[in-house]
Amino acid sequence: MKGGARIIPLHMWRKIPAHTIFVVFLLISQFLSAIHPRVLAVTTPPAVYLNGTALQFDVAPNLQHGTPMFPLRKIFEEMGYDVSWEAEANRAVLRSPERVIVLYPQNPLYSVNGAIYRTSSPPFIERGRLMVGLDFLRQGAGIKEVAWDEEQGILYLEYRSDETDHHEAPLPSEGTPVNFVEVLLPAGNGVQAGDSFDIVIAAPFVKDIYSYEIVFFYNPEIMEIKDLKNPSYKAGDEFYIKRINNSEGMIEYIQTSLGYREEIPPRSHLVVMEAVALHEGAVPFLESTLKLKLLDNMANHIPVALEEKTLYIGTTR
C-alpha cells in the first residue's frame, strides 16, 4: 500500500520480542492520551473541593449522559445544612437558618423558601444517596462560587455561611417566583386495585392563604373518590364546600377564612382525598388535571407551581 501505513501480519508479530511489543503499546497509549485528554476525565469520577478542601464520598460523583452529578448530603452537611429524608413523602428537606429547600427524586421542580425552580438534571437516588446537578448547586444552595473544570473533572465550591445565610433565596433567572404546592401519594406512588388510600394536597411553605379552590379531574374507571376532608380545618374560623362527581371524574374543594386575618401561617393540608383504586392504570397530577387557585386576604392571586406526579395502579396478585 503506497504512501499509507503498513499493516503487520499476525505471523510477524509473533517474531517480535515481547518487551518490544510492550514498549510500542505504551508509546501508543501515551500518544492517544496526549491528543485526547478528556478521555481520562470522562472515565475518572469527578472530584469536589469545598473552600479548598477535598470532600470524601461514600457514593462517588459520576457523569450521567455527560452531565456531572454529585451526592447531595455530604456537600450540604459540610456547608452546615441540616439534611433530612422524609420517607413518607419521598423527599429531601435541607434547612439552614435562612433557607428551606425541598426536592424530590426524578422531579425537575424543587423549592427554595417557597420559590419554584426547575433543574435541567432531575435528582435521582444511587445506592441510597440523592444525586444533584450543577444548576441545583448554583441556584438552590446559596453557594458563593461554583466552578466546574470539565477537562480535569473537578468541581470547586466556595461557601461562606456568614455571607450567604442571611440573603433571601435567589430569584429565578426568568419569570416571577411562585409557591410550591405538594402532592403526597402513597409510598412508591403506587397502589393495587381494591386498595383504599389518601392523596394529600399541601402547601407547607406558602404563607397567607386566605382562600383557596382545588379542582381535580381523574378517570372514574380507574379511581373513585369517597370523601374530601382537611384535618387542619377550624370550625367557626373557616368555611368549606366540597363536591364529588365520580360519574364524570371531578372533585372540587373550596375553603376560606372567616373574617380578616393579618397573617396566616402555611397550611400543612389543603385537602385530603380519600380514594379507592378500581382498575389498573395511571392517574396523573399535572397542571391540566389539578387546578389550584390561592388568594390572600386582599383577594390577590398567589402564584403557585404544582409538584407533578403520577399515581400508578396495579392489578391485584
C-alpha atoms as a PDB file:
ATOM      1  CA  MET A   1       0.000   0.000   0.000  1.00  0.00           C
ATOM      2  CA  LYS A   2       1.925   3.067  -1.267  1.00  0.00           C
ATOM      3  CA  GLY A   3       2.018   6.211   0.827  1.00  0.00           C
ATOM      4  CA  GLY A   4      -0.015   4.607   3.641  1.00  0.00           C
ATOM      5  CA  ALA A   5       0.648   2.843   6.917  1.00  0.00           C
ATOM      6  CA  ARG A   6       1.876  -0.730   6.692  1.00  0.00           C
ATOM      7  CA  ILE A   7      -0.219  -3.400   8.381  1.00  0.00           C
ATOM      8  CA  ILE A   8       1.960  -6.001  10.118  1.00  0.00           C
ATOM      9  CA  PRO A   9       0.652  -9.547   9.564  1.00  0.00           C
ATOM     10  CA  LEU A  10      -0.147 -11.614  12.637  1.00  0.00           C
ATOM     11  CA  HIS A  11       2.642 -14.161  11.998  1.00  0.00           C
ATOM     12  CA  MET A  12       5.245 -11.335  12.016  1.00  0.00           C
ATOM     13  CA  TRP A  13       4.035 -10.054  15.432  1.00  0.00           C
ATOM     14  CA  ARG A  14       4.952 -13.435  16.875  1.00  0.00           C
ATOM     15  CA  LYS A  15       8.586 -12.875  15.878  1.00  0.00           C
ATOM     16  CA  ILE A  16       8.854  -9.527  17.698  1.00  0.00           C
ATOM     17  CA  PRO A  17      10.211  -9.765  21.284  1.00  0.00           C
ATOM     18  CA  ALA A  18       7.560  -9.323  23.991  1.00  0.00           C
ATOM     19  CA  HIS A  19       9.315  -6.371  25.623  1.00  0.00           C
ATOM     20  CA  THR A  20       9.378  -4.538  22.275  1.00  0.00           C
ATOM     21  CA  ILE A  21       5.621  -5.033  21.815  1.00  0.00           C
ATOM     22  CA  PHE A  22       5.068  -3.679  25.345  1.00  0.00           C
ATOM     23  CA  VAL A  23       7.100  -0.534  24.609  1.00  0.00           C
ATOM     24  CA  VAL A  24       5.191   0.022  21.350  1.00  0.00           C
ATOM     25  CA  PHE A  25       1.782  -0.191  23.046  1.00  0.00           C
ATOM     26  CA  LEU A  26       2.978   2.028  25.912  1.00  0.00           C
ATOM     27  CA  LEU A  27       4.039   4.719  23.428  1.00  0.00           C
ATOM     28  CA  ILE A  28       0.702   4.410  21.588  1.00  0.00           C
ATOM     29  CA  SER A  29      -1.304   4.806  24.798  1.00  0.00           C
ATOM     30  CA  GLN A  30       0.718   7.887  25.806  1.00  0.00           C
ATOM     31  CA  PHE A  31       0.188   9.389  22.377  1.00  0.00           C
ATOM     32  CA  LEU A  32      -3.584   8.830  22.494  1.00  0.00           C
ATOM     33  CA  SER A  33      -3.880  10.290  25.983  1.00  0.00           C
ATOM     34  CA  ALA A  34      -1.981  13.378  24.826  1.00  0.00           C
ATOM     35  CA  ILE A  35      -4.267  14.075  21.888  1.00  0.00           C
ATOM     36  CA  HIS A  36      -7.464  13.123  23.762  1.00  0.00           C
ATOM     37  CA  PRO A  37      -7.026  14.475  27.332  1.00  0.00           C
ATOM     38  CA  ARG A  38     -10.787  14.425  28.055  1.00  0.00           C
ATOM     39  CA  VAL A  39     -10.988  10.655  27.749  1.00  0.00           C
ATOM     40  CA  LEU A  40      -9.429  10.341  31.200  1.00  0.00           C
ATOM     41  CA  ALA A  41     -11.756  12.957  32.669  1.00  0.00           C
ATOM     42  CA  VAL A  42     -14.806  11.048  31.435  1.00  0.00           C
ATOM     43  CA  THR A  43     -13.700   7.742  32.935  1.00  0.00           C
ATOM     44  CA  THR A  44     -12.478   9.207  36.256  1.00  0.00           C
ATOM     45  CA  PRO A  45     -15.123  10.044  38.911  1.00  0.00           C
ATOM     46  CA  PRO A  46     -15.434  13.831  39.366  1.00  0.00           C
ATOM     47  CA  ALA A  47     -13.833  15.328  42.469  1.00  0.00           C
ATOM     48  CA  VAL A  48     -15.271  18.076  44.706  1.00  0.00           C
ATOM     49  CA  TYR A  49     -13.371  20.748  46.623  1.00  0.00           C
ATOM     50  CA  LEU A  50     -15.262  22.891  49.158  1.00  0.00           C
ATOM     51  CA  ASN A  51     -13.342  26.003  50.222  1.00  0.00           C
ATOM     52  CA  GLY A  52     -10.148  24.304  49.046  1.00  0.00           C
ATOM     53  CA  THR A  53     -10.695  21.008  50.895  1.00  0.00           C
ATOM     54  CA  ALA A  54     -11.353  17.771  49.025  1.00  0.00           C
ATOM     55  CA  LEU A  55     -14.586  16.031  50.079  1.00  0.00           C
ATOM     56  CA  GLN A  56     -14.752  12.282  50.547  1.00  0.00           C
ATOM     57  CA  PHE A  57     -17.949  10.470  49.491  1.00  0.00           C
ATOM     58  CA  ASP A  58     -19.328   7.024  50.227  1.00  0.00           C
ATOM     59  CA  VAL A  59     -21.014   7.188  46.797  1.00  0.00           C
ATOM     60  CA  ALA A  60     -18.754   8.821  44.217  1.00  0.00           C
ATOM     61  CA  PRO A  61     -19.875  11.664  41.937  1.00  0.00           C
ATOM     62  CA  ASN A  62     -20.417  10.495  38.384  1.00  0.00           C
ATOM     63  CA  LEU A  63     -21.376  11.514  34.870  1.00  0.00           C
ATOM     64  CA  GLN A  64     -24.896  10.904  33.569  1.00  0.00           C
ATOM     65  CA  HIS A  65     -25.074  11.373  29.781  1.00  0.00           C
ATOM     66  CA  GLY A  66     -22.103  13.712  30.063  1.00  0.00           C
ATOM     67  CA  THR A  67     -23.610  15.728  32.941  1.00  0.00           C
ATOM     68  CA  PRO A  68     -21.769  15.671  36.291  1.00  0.00           C
ATOM     69  CA  MET A  69     -23.952  14.638  39.259  1.00  0.00           C
ATOM     70  CA  PHE A  70     -22.954  14.936  42.913  1.00  0.00           C
ATOM     71  CA  PRO A  71     -24.109  13.384  46.232  1.00  0.00           C
ATOM     72  CA  LEU A  72     -26.246  15.986  47.949  1.00  0.00           C
ATOM     73  CA  ARG A  73     -25.929  15.058  51.626  1.00  0.00           C
ATOM     74  CA  LYS A  74     -22.165  15.329  52.058  1.00  0.00           C
ATOM     75  CA  ILE A  75     -21.899  18.687  50.290  1.00  0.00           C
ATOM     76  CA  PHE A  76     -24.770  20.305  52.161  1.00  0.00           C
ATOM     77  CA  GLU A  77     -23.839  18.937  55.568  1.00  0.00           C
ATOM     78  CA  GLU A  78     -20.321  20.318  55.107  1.00  0.00           C
ATOM     79  CA  MET A  79     -21.954  23.710  54.446  1.00  0.00           C
ATOM     80  CA  GLY A  80     -23.869  23.492  57.727  1.00  0.00           C
ATOM     81  CA  TYR A  81     -27.273  22.442  56.397  1.00  0.00           C
ATOM     82  CA  ASP A  82     -29.492  20.008  58.254  1.00  0.00           C
ATOM     83  CA  VAL A  83     -30.328  17.305  55.700  1.00  0.00           C
ATOM     84  CA  SER A  84     -33.303  15.027  56.310  1.00  0.00           C
ATOM     85  CA  TRP A  85     -35.057  12.392  54.219  1.00  0.00           C
ATOM     86  CA  GLU A  86     -38.825  12.191  54.715  1.00  0.00           C
ATOM     87  CA  ALA A  87     -39.610   8.656  53.614  1.00  0.00           C
ATOM     88  CA  GLU A  88     -43.395   9.013  53.757  1.00  0.00           C
ATOM     89  CA  ALA A  89     -43.340  11.996  51.405  1.00  0.00           C
ATOM     90  CA  ASN A  90     -40.386  10.584  49.416  1.00  0.00           C
ATOM     91  CA  ARG A  91     -38.474  13.861  49.541  1.00  0.00           C
ATOM     92  CA  ALA A  92     -35.332  15.516  50.889  1.00  0.00           C
ATOM     93  CA  VAL A  93     -35.570  18.660  53.019  1.00  0.00           C
ATOM     94  CA  LEU A  94     -32.496  20.853  53.533  1.00  0.00           C
ATOM     95  CA  ARG A  95     -32.537  23.509  56.257  1.00  0.00           C
ATOM     96  CA  SER A  96     -30.203  26.369  57.106  1.00  0.00           C
ATOM     97  CA  PRO A  97     -31.003  29.431  59.269  1.00  0.00           C
ATOM     98  CA  GLU A  98     -32.484  31.265  56.284  1.00  0.00           C
ATOM     99  CA  ARG A  99     -33.272  28.573  53.703  1.00  0.00           C
ATOM    100  CA  VAL A 100     -35.630  25.623  53.366  1.00  0.00           C
ATOM    101  CA  ILE A 101     -35.031  23.571  50.229  1.00  0.00           C
ATOM    102  CA  VAL A 102     -37.366  20.756  49.187  1.00  0.00           C
ATOM    103  CA  LEU A 103     -36.675  18.359  46.325  1.00  0.00           C
ATOM    104  CA  TYR A 104     -37.957  15.014  45.094  1.00  0.00           C
ATOM    105  CA  PRO A 105     -36.192  12.189  43.211  1.00  0.00           C
ATOM    106  CA  GLN A 106     -36.895  12.237  39.454  1.00  0.00           C
ATOM    107  CA  ASN A 107     -38.770  15.549  39.759  1.00  0.00           C
ATOM    108  CA  PRO A 108     -37.217  18.555  37.937  1.00  0.00           C
ATOM    109  CA  LEU A 109     -39.081  21.002  40.212  1.00  0.00           C
ATOM    110  CA  TYR A 110     -37.725  21.990  43.623  1.00  0.00           C
ATOM    111  CA  SER A 111     -38.441  24.846  46.023  1.00  0.00           C
ATOM    112  CA  VAL A 112     -36.271  27.335  47.905  1.00  0.00           C
ATOM    113  CA  ASN A 113     -38.200  29.216  50.601  1.00  0.00           C
ATOM    114  CA  GLY A 114     -41.356  28.568  48.592  1.00  0.00           C
ATOM    115  CA  ALA A 115     -39.951  29.824  45.281  1.00  0.00           C
ATOM    116  CA  ILE A 116     -40.000  27.245  42.498  1.00  0.00           C
ATOM    117  CA  TYR A 117     -37.064  26.354  40.272  1.00  0.00           C
ATOM    118  CA  ARG A 118     -36.550  23.766  37.553  1.00  0.00           C
ATOM    119  CA  THR A 119     -33.319  21.838  37.197  1.00  0.00           C
ATOM    120  CA  SER A 120     -32.129  20.548  33.836  1.00  0.00           C
ATOM    121  CA  SER A 121     -30.843  17.393  35.585  1.00  0.00           C
ATOM    122  CA  PRO A 122     -33.548  15.916  37.843  1.00  0.00           C
ATOM    123  CA  PRO A 123     -32.140  14.376  41.040  1.00  0.00           C
ATOM    124  CA  PHE A 124     -32.011  10.616  41.352  1.00  0.00           C
ATOM    125  CA  ILE A 125     -31.108   8.087  44.038  1.00  0.00           C
ATOM    126  CA  GLU A 126     -27.976   5.994  43.673  1.00  0.00           C
ATOM    127  CA  ARG A 127     -27.146   3.480  46.403  1.00  0.00           C
ATOM    128  CA  GLY A 128     -29.114   5.436  48.971  1.00  0.00           C
ATOM    129  CA  ARG A 129     -27.725   8.870  48.048  1.00  0.00           C
ATOM    130  CA  LEU A 130     -29.609  11.643  46.276  1.00  0.00           C
ATOM    131  CA  MET A 131     -27.559  12.949  43.339  1.00  0.00           C
ATOM    132  CA  VAL A 132     -27.929  16.546  42.095  1.00  0.00           C
ATOM    133  CA  GLY A 133     -26.566  18.571  39.189  1.00  0.00           C
ATOM    134  CA  LEU A 134     -24.586  21.787  38.863  1.00  0.00           C
ATOM    135  CA  ASP A 135     -27.549  24.092  38.255  1.00  0.00           C
ATOM    136  CA  PHE A 136     -29.164  22.923  41.508  1.00  0.00           C
ATOM    137  CA  LEU A 137     -25.975  23.786  43.413  1.00  0.00           C
ATOM    138  CA  ARG A 138     -25.794  27.198  41.745  1.00  0.00           C
ATOM    139  CA  GLN A 139     -29.439  28.201  42.246  1.00  0.00           C
ATOM    140  CA  GLY A 140     -30.539  26.370  45.343  1.00  0.00           C
ATOM    141  CA  ALA A 141     -27.693  26.260  47.829  1.00  0.00           C
ATOM    142  CA  GLY A 142     -26.589  29.884  48.082  1.00  0.00           C
ATOM    143  CA  ILE A 143     -23.017  28.942  47.203  1.00  0.00           C
ATOM    144  CA  LYS A 144     -20.806  31.940  46.570  1.00  0.00           C
ATOM    145  CA  GLU A 145     -18.948  30.410  43.636  1.00  0.00           C
ATOM    146  CA  VAL A 146     -19.373  27.223  41.581  1.00  0.00           C
ATOM    147  CA  ALA A 147     -16.606  26.402  39.096  1.00  0.00           C
ATOM    148  CA  TRP A 148     -16.603  23.184  37.055  1.00  0.00           C
ATOM    149  CA  ASP A 149     -13.289  22.157  35.465  1.00  0.00           C
ATOM    150  CA  GLU A 150     -14.581  19.869  32.710  1.00  0.00           C
ATOM    151  CA  GLU A 151     -11.141  18.819  31.477  1.00  0.00           C
ATOM    152  CA  GLN A 152      -9.916  17.708  34.912  1.00  0.00           C
ATOM    153  CA  GLY A 153     -13.318  16.611  36.220  1.00  0.00           C
ATOM    154  CA  ILE A 154     -13.127  18.777  39.351  1.00  0.00           C
ATOM    155  CA  LEU A 155     -15.859  20.876  40.968  1.00  0.00           C
ATOM    156  CA  TYR A 156     -14.695  23.862  43.036  1.00  0.00           C
ATOM    157  CA  LEU A 157     -17.172  25.311  45.548  1.00  0.00           C
ATOM    158  CA  GLU A 158     -16.720  28.464  47.628  1.00  0.00           C
ATOM    159  CA  TYR A 159     -19.160  28.849  50.514  1.00  0.00           C
ATOM    160  CA  ARG A 160     -19.201  31.209  53.487  1.00  0.00           C
ATOM    161  CA  SER A 161     -22.252  30.868  55.725  1.00  0.00           C
ATOM    162  CA  ASP A 162     -21.868  34.367  57.193  1.00  0.00           C
ATOM    163  CA  GLU A 163     -22.110  35.818  53.660  1.00  0.00           C
ATOM    164  CA  THR A 164     -24.989  33.754  52.307  1.00  0.00           C
ATOM    165  CA  ASP A 165     -27.279  32.536  55.082  1.00  0.00           C
ATOM    166  CA  HIS A 166     -28.796  35.982  55.611  1.00  0.00           C
ATOM    167  CA  HIS A 167     -29.704  36.533  51.959  1.00  0.00           C
ATOM    168  CA  GLU A 168     -33.110  35.845  50.515  1.00  0.00           C
ATOM    169  CA  ALA A 169     -33.499  32.875  48.217  1.00  0.00           C
ATOM    170  CA  PRO A 170     -32.160  33.664  44.722  1.00  0.00           C
ATOM    171  CA  LEU A 171     -34.701  34.731  42.159  1.00  0.00           C
ATOM    172  CA  PRO A 172     -35.318  32.513  39.129  1.00  0.00           C
ATOM    173  CA  SER A 173     -33.473  33.611  36.019  1.00  0.00           C
ATOM    174  CA  GLU A 174     -36.768  34.128  34.208  1.00  0.00           C
ATOM    175  CA  GLY A 175     -40.315  34.919  35.320  1.00  0.00           C
ATOM    176  CA  THR A 176     -41.817  35.577  38.727  1.00  0.00           C
ATOM    177  CA  PRO A 177     -41.116  33.371  41.755  1.00  0.00           C
ATOM    178  CA  VAL A 178     -44.066  31.187  42.617  1.00  0.00           C
ATOM    179  CA  ASN A 179     -45.002  28.962  45.518  1.00  0.00           C
ATOM    180  CA  PHE A 180     -44.718  25.224  45.747  1.00  0.00           C
ATOM    181  CA  VAL A 181     -47.812  23.065  46.231  1.00  0.00           C
ATOM    182  CA  GLU A 182     -47.101  19.437  47.049  1.00  0.00           C
ATOM    183  CA  VAL A 183     -48.858  16.235  46.028  1.00  0.00           C
ATOM    184  CA  LEU A 184     -48.341  13.458  48.594  1.00  0.00           C
ATOM    185  CA  LEU A 185     -49.149   9.986  47.283  1.00  0.00           C
ATOM    186  CA  PRO A 186     -48.840   6.525  48.890  1.00  0.00           C
ATOM    187  CA  ALA A 187     -45.304   5.147  49.257  1.00  0.00           C
ATOM    188  CA  GLY A 188     -43.739   4.443  45.890  1.00  0.00           C
ATOM    189  CA  ASN A 189     -46.501   6.391  44.107  1.00  0.00           C
ATOM    190  CA  GLY A 190     -48.341   3.115  43.586  1.00  0.00           C
ATOM    191  CA  VAL A 191     -51.303   1.109  44.905  1.00  0.00           C
ATOM    192  CA  GLN A 192     -53.120  -2.076  43.918  1.00  0.00           C
ATOM    193  CA  ALA A 193     -56.661  -2.324  42.549  1.00  0.00           C
ATOM    194  CA  GLY A 194     -59.019  -2.586  45.522  1.00  0.00           C
ATOM    195  CA  ASP A 195     -56.795  -0.542  47.862  1.00  0.00           C
ATOM    196  CA  SER A 196     -58.130   2.414  49.845  1.00  0.00           C
ATOM    197  CA  PHE A 197     -55.644   5.264  50.243  1.00  0.00           C
ATOM    198  CA  ASP A 198     -55.251   9.025  50.773  1.00  0.00           C
ATOM    199  CA  ILE A 199     -53.977  11.713  48.408  1.00  0.00           C
ATOM    200  CA  VAL A 200     -52.844  14.882  50.181  1.00  0.00           C
ATOM    201  CA  ILE A 201     -52.555  18.301  48.535  1.00  0.00           C
ATOM    202  CA  ALA A 202     -50.482  20.555  50.794  1.00  0.00           C
ATOM    203  CA  ALA A 203     -48.772  23.945  50.838  1.00  0.00           C
ATOM    204  CA  PRO A 204     -46.388  23.682  53.803  1.00  0.00           C
ATOM    205  CA  PHE A 205     -44.250  26.703  52.870  1.00  0.00           C
ATOM    206  CA  VAL A 206     -46.899  29.077  51.483  1.00  0.00           C
ATOM    207  CA  LYS A 207     -47.967  31.835  53.879  1.00  0.00           C
ATOM    208  CA  ASP A 208     -51.114  33.969  53.955  1.00  0.00           C
ATOM    209  CA  ILE A 209     -53.509  31.682  52.031  1.00  0.00           C
ATOM    210  CA  TYR A 210     -56.834  33.276  52.940  1.00  0.00           C
ATOM    211  CA  SER A 211     -58.977  31.319  50.491  1.00  0.00           C
ATOM    212  CA  TYR A 212     -58.343  28.531  48.009  1.00  0.00           C
ATOM    213  CA  GLU A 213     -60.034  26.308  45.456  1.00  0.00           C
ATOM    214  CA  ILE A 214     -58.907  22.896  44.204  1.00  0.00           C
ATOM    215  CA  VAL A 215     -60.429  21.162  41.173  1.00  0.00           C
ATOM    216  CA  PHE A 216     -59.174  17.721  40.185  1.00  0.00           C
ATOM    217  CA  PHE A 217     -60.088  15.658  37.101  1.00  0.00           C
ATOM    218  CA  TYR A 218     -59.499  11.891  37.029  1.00  0.00           C
ATOM    219  CA  ASN A 219     -60.603   8.758  35.200  1.00  0.00           C
ATOM    220  CA  PRO A 220     -63.564   7.351  37.181  1.00  0.00           C
ATOM    221  CA  GLU A 221     -62.974   3.903  35.697  1.00  0.00           C
ATOM    222  CA  ILE A 222     -59.561   3.764  37.352  1.00  0.00           C
ATOM    223  CA  MET A 223     -60.143   5.563  40.660  1.00  0.00           C
ATOM    224  CA  GLU A 224     -63.054   6.710  42.806  1.00  0.00           C
ATOM    225  CA  ILE A 225     -63.093   9.487  45.421  1.00  0.00           C
ATOM    226  CA  LYS A 226     -65.048   8.588  48.574  1.00  0.00           C
ATOM    227  CA  ASP A 227     -64.629  11.795  50.573  1.00  0.00           C
ATOM    228  CA  LEU A 228     -62.791  15.123  50.827  1.00  0.00           C
ATOM    229  CA  LYS A 229     -61.551  16.483  54.137  1.00  0.00           C
ATOM    230  CA  ASN A 230     -58.996  18.786  55.732  1.00  0.00           C
ATOM    231  CA  PRO A 231     -57.571  17.724  59.134  1.00  0.00           C
ATOM    232  CA  SER A 232     -56.416  21.298  59.817  1.00  0.00           C
ATOM    233  CA  TYR A 233     -59.869  22.783  59.200  1.00  0.00           C
ATOM    234  CA  LYS A 234     -61.019  25.005  62.098  1.00  0.00           C
ATOM    235  CA  ALA A 235     -64.786  25.069  62.557  1.00  0.00           C
ATOM    236  CA  GLY A 236     -66.042  28.575  63.344  1.00  0.00           C
ATOM    237  CA  ASP A 237     -62.924  30.207  61.886  1.00  0.00           C
ATOM    238  CA  GLU A 238     -63.188  28.731  58.392  1.00  0.00           C
ATOM    239  CA  PHE A 239     -65.799  27.659  55.865  1.00  0.00           C
ATOM    240  CA  TYR A 240     -65.621  24.936  53.204  1.00  0.00           C
ATOM    241  CA  ILE A 241     -67.587  23.493  50.292  1.00  0.00           C
ATOM    242  CA  LYS A 242     -66.885  20.123  48.717  1.00  0.00           C
ATOM    243  CA  ARG A 243     -68.263  18.432  45.625  1.00  0.00           C
ATOM    244  CA  ILE A 244     -67.571  14.899  44.404  1.00  0.00           C
ATOM    245  CA  ASN A 245     -68.717  13.663  40.993  1.00  0.00           C
ATOM    246  CA  ASN A 246     -67.427  10.144  40.374  1.00  0.00           C
ATOM    247  CA  SER A 247     -69.610   9.668  37.304  1.00  0.00           C
ATOM    248  CA  GLU A 248     -67.712  12.432  35.476  1.00  0.00           C
ATOM    249  CA  GLY A 249     -64.419  12.094  37.373  1.00  0.00           C
ATOM    250  CA  MET A 250     -64.224  15.500  39.032  1.00  0.00           C
ATOM    251  CA  ILE A 251     -63.924  16.868  42.582  1.00  0.00           C
ATOM    252  CA  GLU A 252     -63.951  20.434  43.890  1.00  0.00           C
ATOM    253  CA  TYR A 253     -62.926  21.701  47.316  1.00  0.00           C
ATOM    254  CA  ILE A 254     -63.168  25.347  48.416  1.00  0.00           C
ATOM    255  CA  GLN A 255     -62.077  26.670  51.802  1.00  0.00           C
ATOM    256  CA  THR A 256     -61.853  30.233  53.117  1.00  0.00           C
ATOM    257  CA  SER A 257     -61.147  32.017  56.376  1.00  0.00           C
ATOM    258  CA  LEU A 258     -63.954  33.916  58.118  1.00  0.00           C
ATOM    259  CA  GLY A 259     -63.005  37.486  58.933  1.00  0.00           C
ATOM    260  CA  TYR A 260     -59.819  39.423  58.229  1.00  0.00           C
ATOM    261  CA  ARG A 261     -56.539  37.931  59.415  1.00  0.00           C
ATOM    262  CA  GLU A 262     -53.304  39.884  59.313  1.00  0.00           C
ATOM    263  CA  GLU A 263     -51.061  36.831  58.999  1.00  0.00           C
ATOM    264  CA  ILE A 264     -51.897  33.251  58.108  1.00  0.00           C
ATOM    265  CA  PRO A 265     -49.284  30.501  58.641  1.00  0.00           C
ATOM    266  CA  PRO A 266     -48.560  27.903  55.937  1.00  0.00           C
ATOM    267  CA  ARG A 267     -51.096  25.114  55.576  1.00  0.00           C
ATOM    268  CA  SER A 268     -49.872  21.563  56.028  1.00  0.00           C
ATOM    269  CA  HIS A 269     -53.084  20.396  54.313  1.00  0.00           C
ATOM    270  CA  LEU A 270     -55.250  21.959  51.635  1.00  0.00           C
ATOM    271  CA  VAL A 271     -57.353  18.867  51.082  1.00  0.00           C
ATOM    272  CA  VAL A 272     -57.153  15.116  51.645  1.00  0.00           C
ATOM    273  CA  MET A 273     -58.822  12.905  49.025  1.00  0.00           C
ATOM    274  CA  GLU A 274     -59.988   9.562  50.400  1.00  0.00           C
ATOM    275  CA  ALA A 275     -59.782   7.316  47.332  1.00  0.00           C
ATOM    276  CA  VAL A 276     -60.280   3.725  46.192  1.00  0.00           C
ATOM    277  CA  ALA A 277     -58.331   2.127  43.346  1.00  0.00           C
ATOM    278  CA  LEU A 278     -60.655   0.341  40.911  1.00  0.00           C
ATOM    279  CA  HIS A 279     -58.626  -0.847  37.929  1.00  0.00           C
ATOM    280  CA  GLU A 280     -55.090  -0.888  36.599  1.00  0.00           C
ATOM    281  CA  GLY A 281     -53.928   2.423  35.124  1.00  0.00           C
ATOM    282  CA  ALA A 282     -52.226   5.768  35.759  1.00  0.00           C
ATOM    283  CA  VAL A 283     -53.630   8.871  37.443  1.00  0.00           C
ATOM    284  CA  PRO A 284     -51.594  11.994  36.538  1.00  0.00           C
ATOM    285  CA  PHE A 285     -51.375  15.086  38.735  1.00  0.00           C
ATOM    286  CA  LEU A 286     -50.482  17.771  36.219  1.00  0.00           C
ATOM    287  CA  GLU A 287     -51.478  21.362  35.571  1.00  0.00           C
ATOM    288  CA  SER A 288     -54.050  20.042  33.109  1.00  0.00           C
ATOM    289  CA  THR A 289     -55.728  17.754  35.670  1.00  0.00           C
ATOM    290  CA  LEU A 290     -55.224  19.550  39.004  1.00  0.00           C
ATOM    291  CA  LYS A 291     -56.348  23.191  39.078  1.00  0.00           C
ATOM    292  CA  LEU A 292     -55.269  25.366  42.007  1.00  0.00           C
ATOM    293  CA  LYS A 293     -56.413  28.864  42.905  1.00  0.00           C
ATOM    294  CA  LEU A 294     -54.980  30.544  46.003  1.00  0.00           C
ATOM    295  CA  LEU A 295     -55.945  34.019  47.269  1.00  0.00           C
ATOM    296  CA  ASP A 296     -54.527  36.224  50.020  1.00  0.00           C
ATOM    297  CA  ASN A 297     -56.642  38.338  52.378  1.00  0.00           C
ATOM    298  CA  MET A 298     -56.827  41.130  49.793  1.00  0.00           C
ATOM    299  CA  ALA A 299     -58.216  38.696  47.166  1.00  0.00           C
ATOM    300  CA  ASN A 300     -54.921  38.799  45.244  1.00  0.00           C
ATOM    301  CA  HIS A 301     -53.880  35.617  43.451  1.00  0.00           C
ATOM    302  CA  ILE A 302     -50.927  33.771  44.963  1.00  0.00           C
ATOM    303  CA  PRO A 303     -48.811  32.280  42.135  1.00  0.00           C
ATOM    304  CA  VAL A 304     -48.325  28.545  42.577  1.00  0.00           C
ATOM    305  CA  ALA A 305     -46.491  25.716  40.848  1.00  0.00           C
ATOM    306  CA  LEU A 306     -47.596  22.134  41.128  1.00  0.00           C
ATOM    307  CA  GLU A 307     -45.335  19.262  42.074  1.00  0.00           C
ATOM    308  CA  GLU A 308     -46.082  16.988  39.121  1.00  0.00           C
ATOM    309  CA  LYS A 309     -46.580  13.309  39.965  1.00  0.00           C
ATOM    310  CA  THR A 310     -48.339  10.201  38.672  1.00  0.00           C
ATOM    311  CA  LEU A 311     -50.129   7.548  40.722  1.00  0.00           C
ATOM    312  CA  TYR A 312     -49.794   4.033  39.295  1.00  0.00           C
ATOM    313  CA  ILE A 313     -52.477   1.418  39.999  1.00  0.00           C
ATOM    314  CA  GLY A 314     -51.531  -2.212  39.515  1.00  0.00           C
ATOM    315  CA  THR A 315     -53.620  -5.365  39.367  1.00  0.00           C
ATOM    316  CA  THR A 316     -54.140  -7.445  42.491  1.00  0.00           C
ATOM    317  CA  ARG A 317     -51.985 -10.519  42.851  1.00  0.00           C
END
